[in-house]
PDB file of N, CA and C in Angstrom:
ATOM      1  N   UNK A   1      -5.255-215.331   7.339  1.00  0.00           N
ATOM      2  CA  UNK A   1      -5.605-216.469   6.547  1.00  0.00           C
ATOM      3  C   UNK A   1      -6.179-217.129   6.528  1.00  0.00           C
ATOM      4  N   UNK A   2      -7.350-217.441   5.691  1.00  0.00           N
ATOM      5  CA  UNK A   2      -8.591-217.553   5.705  1.00  0.00           C
ATOM      6  C   UNK A   2      -8.754-219.277   4.652  1.00  0.00           C
ATOM      7  N   UNK A   3      -8.892-220.907   4.805  1.00  0.00           N
ATOM      8  CA  UNK A   3      -9.341-221.387   4.066  1.00  0.00           C
ATOM      9  C   UNK A   3     -10.824-221.717   3.867  1.00  0.00           C
ATOM     10  N   UNK A   4     -11.231-221.024   2.649  1.00  0.00           N
ATOM     11  CA  UNK A   4     -12.459-221.372   2.002  1.00  0.00           C
ATOM     12  C   UNK A   4     -13.036-222.764   1.762  1.00  0.00           C
ATOM     13  N   UNK A   5     -12.251-223.734   1.012  1.00  0.00           N
ATOM     14  CA  UNK A   5     -12.663-224.509   0.924  1.00  0.00           C
ATOM     15  C   UNK A   5     -11.909-224.968  -0.388  1.00  0.00           C
ATOM     16  N   UNK A   6     -12.153-226.531  -0.424  1.00  0.00           N
ATOM     17  CA  UNK A   6     -11.067-227.294  -1.620  1.00  0.00           C
ATOM     18  C   UNK A   6     -12.164-227.968  -2.772  1.00  0.00           C
ATOM     19  N   UNK A   7     -12.047-227.717  -3.346  1.00  0.00           N
ATOM     20  CA  UNK A   7     -13.097-228.063  -4.754  1.00  0.00           C
ATOM     21  C   UNK A   7     -12.596-229.077  -5.354  1.00  0.00           C
ATOM     22  N   UNK A   8     -13.163-229.968  -5.740  1.00  0.00           N
ATOM     23  CA  UNK A   8     -13.142-230.706  -7.538  1.00  0.00           C
ATOM     24  C   UNK A   8     -11.653-231.390  -6.758  1.00  0.00           C
ATOM     25  N   UNK A   9     -12.077-232.376  -4.892  1.00  0.00           N
ATOM     26  CA  UNK A   9     -11.560-232.928  -4.548  1.00  0.00           C
ATOM     27  C   UNK A   9     -11.428-234.736  -5.353  1.00  0.00           C
ATOM     28  N   UNK A  10     -10.235-235.590  -5.749  1.00  0.00           N
ATOM     29  CA  UNK A  10     -10.127-236.595  -6.556  1.00  0.00           C
ATOM     30  C   UNK A  10      -9.572-237.610  -6.460  1.00  0.00           C
ATOM     31  N   UNK A  11     -10.535-239.047  -5.441  1.00  0.00           N
ATOM     32  CA  UNK A  11      -9.530-239.943  -4.988  1.00  0.00           C
ATOM     33  C   UNK A  11      -8.541-240.414  -5.919  1.00  0.00           C
ATOM     34  N   UNK A  12      -6.961-240.603  -5.666  1.00  0.00           N
ATOM     35  CA  UNK A  12      -6.510-241.828  -6.849  1.00  0.00           C
ATOM     36  C   UNK A  12      -6.007-242.623  -6.082  1.00  0.00           C
ATOM     37  N   UNK A  13      -6.416-243.717  -6.837  1.00  0.00           N
ATOM     38  CA  UNK A  13      -6.210-245.213  -6.307  1.00  0.00           C
ATOM     39  C   UNK A  13      -4.643-245.427  -6.321  1.00  0.00           C
ATOM     40  N   UNK A  14      -4.770-246.006  -5.169  1.00  0.00           N
ATOM     41  CA  UNK A  14      -3.487-246.612  -4.434  1.00  0.00           C
ATOM     42  C   UNK A  14      -3.601-248.396  -4.234  1.00  0.00           C
ATOM     43  N   UNK A  15      -2.511-249.274  -4.253  1.00  0.00           N
ATOM     44  CA  UNK A  15      -3.011-250.561  -4.079  1.00  0.00           C
ATOM     45  C   UNK A  15      -2.448-250.552  -2.025  1.00  0.00           C
ATOM     46  N   UNK A  16      -1.998-249.445  -1.575  1.00  0.00           N
ATOM     47  CA  UNK A  16      -1.606-249.699  -0.332  1.00  0.00           C
ATOM     48  C   UNK A  16      -3.283-249.723   0.560  1.00  0.00           C
ATOM     49  N   UNK A  17      -3.851-250.274   1.279  1.00  0.00           N
ATOM     50  CA  UNK A  17      -4.846-250.136   1.690  1.00  0.00           C
ATOM     51  C   UNK A  17      -4.956-248.752   2.950  1.00  0.00           C
ATOM     52  N   UNK A  18      -4.009-248.394   3.814  1.00  0.00           N
ATOM     53  CA  UNK A  18      -3.732-247.498   4.428  1.00  0.00           C
ATOM     54  C   UNK A  18      -2.985-246.161   3.862  1.00  0.00           C
ATOM     55  N   UNK A  19      -3.238-246.102   2.731  1.00  0.00           N
ATOM     56  CA  UNK A  19      -2.501-245.035   2.193  1.00  0.00           C
ATOM     57  C   UNK A  19      -3.703-244.168   1.062  1.00  0.00           C
ATOM     58  N   UNK A  20      -4.231-242.835   1.149  1.00  0.00           N
ATOM     59  CA  UNK A  20      -5.540-242.312   0.480  1.00  0.00           C
ATOM     60  C   UNK A  20      -4.789-241.290   0.116  1.00  0.00           C
ATOM     61  N   UNK A  21      -4.620-241.254  -1.512  1.00  0.00           N
ATOM     62  CA  UNK A  21      -3.893-240.269  -1.874  1.00  0.00           C
ATOM     63  C   UNK A  21      -5.147-238.970  -2.551  1.00  0.00           C
ATOM     64  N   UNK A  22      -5.115-238.243  -2.320  1.00  0.00           N
ATOM     65  CA  UNK A  22      -6.274-237.205  -3.169  1.00  0.00           C
ATOM     66  C   UNK A  22      -5.536-235.896  -3.826  1.00  0.00           C
ATOM     67  N   UNK A  23      -6.456-235.510  -4.402  1.00  0.00           N
ATOM     68  CA  UNK A  23      -5.659-234.284  -5.144  1.00  0.00           C
ATOM     69  C   UNK A  23      -7.237-232.701  -5.569  1.00  0.00           C
ATOM     70  N   UNK A  24      -7.138-232.282  -5.457  1.00  0.00           N
ATOM     71  CA  UNK A  24      -7.850-231.117  -5.561  1.00  0.00           C
ATOM     72  C   UNK A  24      -7.260-229.974  -5.536  1.00  0.00           C
ATOM     73  N   UNK A  25      -8.039-228.755  -5.566  1.00  0.00           N
ATOM     74  CA  UNK A  25      -8.348-227.178  -6.216  1.00  0.00           C
ATOM     75  C   UNK A  25      -8.483-226.495  -4.486  1.00  0.00           C
ATOM     76  N   UNK A  26      -7.771-225.862  -3.899  1.00  0.00           N
ATOM     77  CA  UNK A  26      -7.727-224.764  -2.368  1.00  0.00           C
ATOM     78  C   UNK A  26      -8.154-223.552  -2.979  1.00  0.00           C
ATOM     79  N   UNK A  27      -8.777-222.891  -1.886  1.00  0.00           N
ATOM     80  CA  UNK A  27      -9.690-221.585  -2.420  1.00  0.00           C
ATOM     81  C   UNK A  27      -9.130-221.007  -0.782  1.00  0.00           C
ATOM     82  N   UNK A  28      -8.273-219.778  -1.006  1.00  0.00           N
ATOM     83  CA  UNK A  28      -7.845-219.589   0.478  1.00  0.00           C
ATOM     84  C   UNK A  28      -7.997-217.798   0.404  1.00  0.00           C
ATOM     85  N   UNK A  29      -8.137-217.228   1.213  1.00  0.00           N
ATOM     86  CA  UNK A  29      -7.765-215.446   1.501  1.00  0.00           C
ATOM     87  C   UNK A  29      -7.061-215.418   2.190  1.00  0.00           C
ATOM     88  N   UNK A  30      -5.864-214.883   1.439  1.00  0.00           N
ATOM     89  CA  UNK A  30      -4.980-214.585   2.056  1.00  0.00           C
ATOM     90  C   UNK A  30      -4.552-213.059   1.621  1.00  0.00           C
ATOM     91  N   UNK A  31      -4.270-211.843   2.977  1.00  0.00           N
ATOM     92  CA  UNK A  31      -4.664-210.637   3.035  1.00  0.00           C
ATOM     93  C   UNK A  31      -5.240-210.099   2.488  1.00  0.00           C
ATOM     94  N   UNK A  32      -6.002-210.419   2.374  1.00  0.00           N
ATOM     95  CA  UNK A  32      -7.392-209.242   1.370  1.00  0.00           C
ATOM     96  C   UNK A  32      -7.467-210.071   0.097  1.00  0.00           C
ATOM     97  N   UNK A  33      -6.693-210.784  -0.713  1.00  0.00           N
ATOM     98  CA  UNK A  33      -6.886-211.069  -1.887  1.00  0.00           C
ATOM     99  C   UNK A  33      -7.104-213.161  -1.970  1.00  0.00           C
ATOM    100  N   UNK A  34      -7.704-213.198  -2.710  1.00  0.00           N
ATOM    101  CA  UNK A  34      -8.257-214.681  -3.473  1.00  0.00           C
ATOM    102  C   UNK A  34      -7.411-215.930  -4.035  1.00  0.00           C
ATOM    103  N   UNK A  35      -7.073-216.215  -3.285  1.00  0.00           N
ATOM    104  CA  UNK A  35      -6.099-217.500  -4.494  1.00  0.00           C
ATOM    105  C   UNK A  35      -7.201-219.159  -4.636  1.00  0.00           C
ATOM    106  N   UNK A  36      -6.511-219.231  -5.704  1.00  0.00           N
ATOM    107  CA  UNK A  36      -6.884-220.772  -5.672  1.00  0.00           C
ATOM    108  C   UNK A  36      -5.083-221.393  -6.093  1.00  0.00           C
ATOM    109  N   UNK A  37      -4.573-222.568  -5.612  1.00  0.00           N
ATOM    110  CA  UNK A  37      -3.734-223.419  -5.936  1.00  0.00           C
ATOM    111  C   UNK A  37      -4.266-224.400  -5.934  1.00  0.00           C
ATOM    112  N   UNK A  38      -3.571-225.794  -6.985  1.00  0.00           N
ATOM    113  CA  UNK A  38      -4.011-227.206  -7.046  1.00  0.00           C
ATOM    114  C   UNK A  38      -3.284-227.506  -5.884  1.00  0.00           C
ATOM    115  N   UNK A  39      -3.518-228.748  -5.245  1.00  0.00           N
ATOM    116  CA  UNK A  39      -2.886-229.434  -4.073  1.00  0.00           C
ATOM    117  C   UNK A  39      -3.168-231.261  -4.054  1.00  0.00           C
ATOM    118  N   UNK A  40      -2.209-231.532  -3.803  1.00  0.00           N
ATOM    119  CA  UNK A  40      -2.192-233.485  -3.880  1.00  0.00           C
ATOM    120  C   UNK A  40      -2.144-233.275  -2.001  1.00  0.00           C
ATOM    121  N   UNK A  41      -2.944-233.981  -1.447  1.00  0.00           N
ATOM    122  CA  UNK A  41      -2.467-234.496  -0.065  1.00  0.00           C
ATOM    123  C   UNK A  41      -2.755-236.125   0.121  1.00  0.00           C
ATOM    124  N   UNK A  42      -2.284-236.908   1.300  1.00  0.00           N
ATOM    125  CA  UNK A  42      -2.313-238.413   1.447  1.00  0.00           C
ATOM    126  C   UNK A  42      -2.446-238.493   2.976  1.00  0.00           C
ATOM    127  N   UNK A  43      -3.454-239.033   3.535  1.00  0.00           N
ATOM    128  CA  UNK A  43      -3.640-239.247   4.608  1.00  0.00           C
ATOM    129  C   UNK A  43      -3.186-240.650   4.931  1.00  0.00           C
ATOM    130  N   UNK A  44      -2.385-241.044   5.588  1.00  0.00           N
ATOM    131  CA  UNK A  44      -1.518-241.870   5.968  1.00  0.00           C
ATOM    132  C   UNK A  44      -2.427-242.954   7.416  1.00  0.00           C
ATOM    133  N   UNK A  45      -2.793-244.349   8.001  1.00  0.00           N
ATOM    134  CA  UNK A  45      -3.269-244.312   8.698  1.00  0.00           C
ATOM    135  C   UNK A  45      -1.917-245.170   9.570  1.00  0.00           C
ATOM    136  N   UNK A  46      -1.209-244.718  10.040  1.00  0.00           N
ATOM    137  CA  UNK A  46      -0.005-244.708  11.200  1.00  0.00           C
ATOM    138  C   UNK A  46      -0.841-246.600  12.033  1.00  0.00           C
ATOM    139  N   UNK A  47       0.727-247.271  12.402  1.00  0.00           N
ATOM    140  CA  UNK A  47       0.102-248.445  12.667  1.00  0.00           C
ATOM    141  C   UNK A  47      -0.588-247.719  14.606  1.00  0.00           C
ATOM    142  N   UNK A  48      -0.378-246.808  14.929  1.00  0.00           N
ATOM    143  CA  UNK A  48      -0.830-246.529  16.126  1.00  0.00           C
ATOM    144  C   UNK A  48      -2.879-246.501  16.359  1.00  0.00           C
ATOM    145  N   UNK A  49      -2.942-246.300  14.609  1.00  0.00           N
ATOM    146  CA  UNK A  49      -4.129-245.891  13.861  1.00  0.00           C
ATOM    147  C   UNK A  49      -4.607-244.377  14.046  1.00  0.00           C
ATOM    148  N   UNK A  50      -3.636-242.973  14.207  1.00  0.00           N
ATOM    149  CA  UNK A  50      -3.592-241.537  14.164  1.00  0.00           C
ATOM    150  C   UNK A  50      -3.500-241.709  12.502  1.00  0.00           C
ATOM    151  N   UNK A  51      -4.327-240.931  12.240  1.00  0.00           N
ATOM    152  CA  UNK A  51      -3.891-240.245  10.967  1.00  0.00           C
ATOM    153  C   UNK A  51      -2.691-239.135  10.770  1.00  0.00           C
ATOM    154  N   UNK A  52      -2.143-239.552   9.277  1.00  0.00           N
ATOM    155  CA  UNK A  52      -0.849-238.562   9.473  1.00  0.00           C
ATOM    156  C   UNK A  52      -1.642-237.884   8.067  1.00  0.00           C
ATOM    157  N   UNK A  53      -1.634-236.724   8.151  1.00  0.00           N
ATOM    158  CA  UNK A  53      -1.179-235.853   6.667  1.00  0.00           C
ATOM    159  C   UNK A  53      -0.322-234.947   6.327  1.00  0.00           C
ATOM    160  N   UNK A  54       0.005-235.238   4.951  1.00  0.00           N
ATOM    161  CA  UNK A  54       0.938-234.966   4.368  1.00  0.00           C
ATOM    162  C   UNK A  54       0.499-234.217   3.165  1.00  0.00           C
ATOM    163  N   UNK A  55       0.790-232.413   2.225  1.00  0.00           N
ATOM    164  CA  UNK A  55       0.290-231.832   1.421  1.00  0.00           C
ATOM    165  C   UNK A  55       1.388-231.409   0.376  1.00  0.00           C
ATOM    166  N   UNK A  56       0.921-231.444  -0.471  1.00  0.00           N
ATOM    167  CA  UNK A  56       1.821-230.956  -1.568  1.00  0.00           C
ATOM    168  C   UNK A  56       1.251-229.528  -2.824  1.00  0.00           C
ATOM    169  N   UNK A  57       2.243-228.871  -2.665  1.00  0.00           N
ATOM    170  CA  UNK A  57       1.194-227.493  -2.976  1.00  0.00           C
ATOM    171  C   UNK A  57       1.666-227.466  -4.592  1.00  0.00           C
ATOM    172  N   UNK A  58       1.404-227.023  -5.333  1.00  0.00           N
ATOM    173  CA  UNK A  58       1.593-227.210  -7.080  1.00  0.00           C
ATOM    174  C   UNK A  58       2.655-225.865  -7.504  1.00  0.00           C
ATOM    175  N   UNK A  59       1.687-224.695  -6.634  1.00  0.00           N
ATOM    176  CA  UNK A  59       2.214-223.290  -6.988  1.00  0.00           C
ATOM    177  C   UNK A  59       2.877-222.580  -5.947  1.00  0.00           C
ATOM    178  N   UNK A  60       3.763-222.140  -5.843  1.00  0.00           N
ATOM    179  CA  UNK A  60       4.378-221.485  -4.364  1.00  0.00           C
ATOM    180  C   UNK A  60       3.545-220.295  -3.958  1.00  0.00           C
ATOM    181  N   UNK A  61       3.185-219.852  -2.866  1.00  0.00           N
ATOM    182  CA  UNK A  61       2.045-218.658  -2.433  1.00  0.00           C
ATOM    183  C   UNK A  61       3.171-217.369  -1.709  1.00  0.00           C
ATOM    184  N   UNK A  62       2.258-216.688  -0.918  1.00  0.00           N
ATOM    185  CA  UNK A  62       3.332-215.435  -1.089  1.00  0.00           C
ATOM    186  C   UNK A  62       2.724-215.219   0.332  1.00  0.00           C
ATOM    187  N   UNK A  63       2.854-216.439   0.832  1.00  0.00           N
ATOM    188  CA  UNK A  63       2.901-216.531   2.245  1.00  0.00           C
ATOM    189  C   UNK A  63       3.834-217.785   3.143  1.00  0.00           C
ATOM    190  N   UNK A  64       4.084-217.313   4.531  1.00  0.00           N
ATOM    191  CA  UNK A  64       4.563-218.120   4.784  1.00  0.00           C
ATOM    192  C   UNK A  64       4.469-219.783   5.870  1.00  0.00           C
ATOM    193  N   UNK A  65       5.104-220.796   5.009  1.00  0.00           N
ATOM    194  CA  UNK A  65       4.800-222.183   4.824  1.00  0.00           C
ATOM    195  C   UNK A  65       4.724-222.702   5.735  1.00  0.00           C
ATOM    196  N   UNK A  66       5.478-222.835   7.113  1.00  0.00           N
ATOM    197  CA  UNK A  66       4.673-223.562   8.183  1.00  0.00           C
ATOM    198  C   UNK A  66       3.236-222.878   8.874  1.00  0.00           C
ATOM    199  N   UNK A  67       2.986-221.482   8.618  1.00  0.00           N
ATOM    200  CA  UNK A  67       1.206-221.263   9.231  1.00  0.00           C
ATOM    201  C   UNK A  67       0.610-221.892   8.469  1.00  0.00           C
ATOM    202  N   UNK A  68       0.564-221.819   7.345  1.00  0.00           N
ATOM    203  CA  UNK A  68      -0.077-222.556   6.394  1.00  0.00           C
ATOM    204  C   UNK A  68      -0.678-223.431   5.576  1.00  0.00           C
ATOM    205  N   UNK A  69       0.962-224.578   6.008  1.00  0.00           N
ATOM    206  CA  UNK A  69       0.629-226.206   5.991  1.00  0.00           C
ATOM    207  C   UNK A  69      -0.241-226.932   7.317  1.00  0.00           C
ATOM    208  N   UNK A  70      -0.029-225.368   8.615  1.00  0.00           N
ATOM    209  CA  UNK A  70      -0.502-226.632   9.571  1.00  0.00           C
ATOM    210  C   UNK A  70      -2.587-225.967   9.744  1.00  0.00           C
ATOM    211  N   UNK A  71      -2.837-225.050   9.039  1.00  0.00           N
ATOM    212  CA  UNK A  71      -4.011-224.666   9.006  1.00  0.00           C
ATOM    213  C   UNK A  71      -4.530-225.832   7.898  1.00  0.00           C
ATOM    214  N   UNK A  72      -3.678-226.033   6.467  1.00  0.00           N
ATOM    215  CA  UNK A  72      -4.449-226.585   5.262  1.00  0.00           C
ATOM    216  C   UNK A  72      -4.566-228.138   5.876  1.00  0.00           C
ATOM    217  N   UNK A  73      -3.323-228.556   6.737  1.00  0.00           N
ATOM    218  CA  UNK A  73      -3.733-229.915   7.740  1.00  0.00           C
ATOM    219  C   UNK A  73      -4.849-230.223   8.316  1.00  0.00           C
ATOM    220  N   UNK A  74      -4.960-229.188   9.217  1.00  0.00           N
ATOM    221  CA  UNK A  74      -5.924-229.307   9.936  1.00  0.00           C
ATOM    222  C   UNK A  74      -8.049-229.029   9.619  1.00  0.00           C
ATOM    223  N   UNK A  75      -7.694-228.527   8.170  1.00  0.00           N
ATOM    224  CA  UNK A  75      -8.597-228.278   7.464  1.00  0.00           C
ATOM    225  C   UNK A  75      -8.972-229.648   6.797  1.00  0.00           C
ATOM    226  N   UNK A  76      -8.239-230.424   6.402  1.00  0.00           N
ATOM    227  CA  UNK A  76      -7.845-231.612   5.566  1.00  0.00           C
ATOM    228  C   UNK A  76      -8.621-233.235   6.336  1.00  0.00           C
ATOM    229  N   UNK A  77      -7.416-232.430   7.728  1.00  0.00           N
ATOM    230  CA  UNK A  77      -8.351-233.507   9.023  1.00  0.00           C
ATOM    231  C   UNK A  77      -9.770-232.886   9.757  1.00  0.00           C
ATOM    232  N   UNK A  78     -10.405-232.276   9.805  1.00  0.00           N
ATOM    233  CA  UNK A  78     -11.336-231.516   9.848  1.00  0.00           C
ATOM    234  C   UNK A  78     -12.619-232.547   8.518  1.00  0.00           C
ATOM    235  N   UNK A  79     -12.183-232.248   6.976  1.00  0.00           N
ATOM    236  CA  UNK A  79     -12.825-232.833   6.617  1.00  0.00           C
ATOM    237  C   UNK A  79     -12.867-234.603   7.029  1.00  0.00           C
ATOM    238  N   UNK A  80     -11.577-234.967   6.911  1.00  0.00           N
ATOM    239  CA  UNK A  80     -11.842-236.331   6.652  1.00  0.00           C
ATOM    240  C   UNK A  80     -13.067-237.079   8.064  1.00  0.00           C
ATOM    241  N   UNK A  81     -12.645-236.305   8.890  1.00  0.00           N
ATOM    242  CA  UNK A  81     -13.784-236.537  10.374  1.00  0.00           C
ATOM    243  C   UNK A  81     -14.890-236.261  10.149  1.00  0.00           C
ATOM    244  N   UNK A  82     -15.412-235.615   9.361  1.00  0.00           N
ATOM    245  CA  UNK A  82     -16.952-235.396   8.914  1.00  0.00           C
ATOM    246  C   UNK A  82     -17.170-236.050   7.435  1.00  0.00           C
ATOM    247  N   UNK A  83     -16.333-237.310   7.272  1.00  0.00           N
ATOM    248  CA  UNK A  83     -16.518-237.929   6.517  1.00  0.00           C
ATOM    249  C   UNK A  83     -16.982-237.130   4.722  1.00  0.00           C
ATOM    250  N   UNK A  84     -16.222-236.196   4.390  1.00  0.00           N
ATOM    251  CA  UNK A  84     -16.626-235.097   3.056  1.00  0.00           C
ATOM    252  C   UNK A  84     -15.836-235.655   2.347  1.00  0.00           C
ATOM    253  N   UNK A  85     -14.811-236.098   2.393  1.00  0.00           N
ATOM    254  CA  UNK A  85     -13.842-236.635   0.986  1.00  0.00           C
ATOM    255  C   UNK A  85     -14.305-238.001   0.739  1.00  0.00           C
ATOM    256  N   UNK A  86     -14.046-238.205  -0.763  1.00  0.00           N
ATOM    257  CA  UNK A  86     -14.653-238.745  -1.767  1.00  0.00           C
ATOM    258  C   UNK A  86     -14.177-240.276  -1.162  1.00  0.00           C
ATOM    259  N   UNK A  87     -15.001-241.621  -1.076  1.00  0.00           N
ATOM    260  CA  UNK A  87     -14.588-242.939  -0.541  1.00  0.00           C
ATOM    261  C   UNK A  87     -14.139-243.698  -1.785  1.00  0.00           C
TER     262      UNK A  87
END
C-alpha cells in the first residue's frame, strides 16, 4: 500500500480552537490498483500538547483497515508537521 497524496483538502470551521476538521480526497495504490476515496479527518490538540488524528473514510476499501488507518494517520501527521494543511 502506498499513499500518493491527499488532494482537495478543505478546512471546516469549528468553534473549538483545539480541534481542526478537514475533508479531502485520498489517492492510494492498493495491490497494484489506484483508488480514490473521500475522507474526513480531525486533528485535536490534547492537553499534553500532543496531536491526535482521527480519520473517517466515506466508502469501504478492500484492504485490512488497521494498517491502512495507521498509514493514513502517519501521512496526515507528516503533512501537519510540514505545514502543508490549510490554515
